[in-house]
Amino acid sequence: MGLFSFLFGSKKNDASKEMRMPPSTKKIGDVTHYYGGLGVAIVKFKEPVRVGDSVKFFGATTDFSEKIASMQYDHKDIAEAKKGQEVGIKVVGKVREGDEVYAG
């Protein structure tokens, strides 16, 4: 075993790392951008979604659920996002571009 492998671990067949699986619920959108200072995720939805619906954010380092408390389109509050619409959602956790959004 080399010094690098000893210090940083081997990437080959590392059994200690579990394969994370996406939620078994339906994928309804993708995070296209995240404004960390504001705590706002920009999400493009594939299905209609309403304020109050529960969603789950899932990605390489993201895995949390929350209810949609507020949603905006073109800097105006909206109650529902339509299929194909890209909207801003206030989130408590940190998300990243490319994270997937699942129904609650």
Protein backbone atom coordinates (compact mmCIF):
# COMPACT_ATOMS: atom_id res chain seq x y z
CA MET A 1 0.00 0.00 0.00
CA GLY A 2 1.45 3.35 -1.02
CA LEU A 3 1.55 6.44 1.18
CA PHE A 4 -1.21 8.12 -0.87
CA SER A 5 -3.53 5.12 -0.47
CA PHE A 6 -2.75 4.95 3.24
CA LEU A 7 -3.52 8.65 3.79
CA PHE A 8 -6.48 9.07 1.48
CA GLY A 9 -7.85 5.55 1.04
CA SER A 10 -8.18 3.47 -2.04
CA LYS A 11 -10.87 4.22 -4.59
CA LYS A 12 -11.00 0.57 -5.69
CA ASN A 13 -13.85 -1.48 -4.26
CA ASP A 14 -14.29 0.64 -1.15
CA ALA A 15 -16.99 -1.38 0.65
CA SER A 16 -17.36 1.22 3.40
CA LYS A 17 -19.14 3.62 1.02
CA GLU A 18 -22.79 2.82 0.45
CA MET A 19 -24.41 3.42 -2.91
CA ARG A 20 -27.02 6.15 -2.40
CA MET A 21 -30.23 5.51 -4.27
CA PRO A 22 -32.72 8.17 -5.35
CA PRO A 23 -36.11 8.20 -3.62
CA SER A 24 -38.73 5.74 -4.83
CA THR A 25 -41.18 8.57 -5.46
CA LYS A 26 -41.68 10.28 -8.83
CA LYS A 27 -39.07 12.74 -10.11
CA ILE A 28 -40.80 16.07 -10.70
CA GLY A 29 -37.96 18.48 -11.48
CA ASP A 30 -34.32 19.54 -11.47
CA VAL A 31 -32.40 22.30 -9.69
CA THR A 32 -30.97 24.62 -12.33
CA HIS A 33 -29.40 27.20 -9.96
CA TYR A 34 -28.99 27.98 -6.27
CA TYR A 35 -28.63 31.40 -4.66
CA GLY A 36 -26.87 30.60 -1.38
CA GLY A 37 -27.11 34.09 0.09
CA LEU A 38 -30.88 34.08 -0.38
CA GLY A 39 -31.49 30.38 0.24
CA VAL A 40 -33.39 30.12 -3.04
CA ALA A 41 -33.36 27.17 -5.44
CA ILE A 42 -34.34 27.66 -9.07
CA VAL A 43 -36.21 24.53 -10.10
CA LYS A 44 -37.54 23.49 -13.50
CA PHE A 45 -40.60 21.34 -12.84
CA LYS A 46 -41.81 18.47 -15.03
CA GLU A 47 -45.14 18.31 -13.17
CA PRO A 48 -47.45 20.94 -11.64
CA VAL A 49 -46.52 21.77 -8.02
CA ARG A 50 -48.30 23.94 -5.45
CA VAL A 51 -47.19 25.88 -2.38
CA GLY A 52 -47.64 23.50 0.57
CA ASP A 53 -46.58 20.40 -1.37
CA SER A 54 -43.75 18.33 0.09
CA VAL A 55 -40.68 17.85 -2.09
CA LYS A 56 -37.43 15.94 -1.66
CA PHE A 57 -34.11 17.29 -2.94
CA PHE A 58 -31.60 14.58 -3.87
CA GLY A 59 -28.10 14.77 -5.29
CA ALA A 60 -24.48 13.73 -4.76
CA THR A 61 -24.35 15.51 -1.39
CA THR A 62 -27.99 16.57 -1.02
CA ASP A 63 -30.75 14.55 0.62
CA PHE A 64 -33.54 16.36 2.48
CA SER A 65 -37.28 16.98 2.33
CA GLU A 66 -39.35 20.06 3.03
CA LYS A 67 -42.69 21.67 2.26
CA ILE A 68 -42.75 24.45 -0.29
CA ALA A 69 -43.35 27.58 1.78
CA SER A 70 -43.09 30.12 -1.03
CA MET A 71 -42.60 30.14 -4.77
CA GLN A 72 -41.88 32.95 -7.23
CA TYR A 73 -41.92 33.38 -10.98
CA ASP A 74 -40.53 36.58 -12.51
CA HIS A 75 -40.14 38.05 -8.96
CA LYS A 76 -43.85 37.60 -8.21
CA ASP A 77 -45.34 35.16 -5.69
CA ILE A 78 -47.26 32.29 -7.27
CA ALA A 79 -49.36 29.50 -5.75
CA GLU A 80 -48.64 26.89 -8.42
CA ALA A 81 -45.82 26.08 -10.85
CA LYS A 82 -46.95 24.69 -14.18
CA LYS A 83 -45.32 21.81 -16.04
CA GLY A 84 -42.13 23.06 -17.73
CA GLN A 85 -42.00 26.25 -15.64
CA GLU A 86 -38.78 27.35 -13.93
CA VAL A 87 -39.46 28.96 -10.54
CA GLY A 88 -37.65 30.13 -7.42
CA ILE A 89 -38.34 28.24 -4.19
CA LYS A 90 -37.20 29.31 -0.74
CA VAL A 91 -35.31 26.34 0.80
CA VAL A 92 -33.89 25.74 4.27
CA GLY A 93 -31.17 23.30 3.16
CA LYS A 94 -28.40 23.85 0.61
CA VAL A 95 -28.97 22.45 -2.87
CA ARG A 96 -26.75 22.35 -5.92
CA GLU A 97 -27.22 22.67 -9.67
CA GLY A 98 -28.16 19.29 -11.06
CA ASP A 99 -29.85 18.04 -7.87
CA GLU A 100 -33.10 16.22 -8.58
CA VAL A 101 -36.49 17.07 -7.07
CA TYR A 102 -38.95 14.32 -6.15
CA ALA A 103 -42.56 14.37 -4.95
CA GLY A 104 -42.76 14.41 -1.23
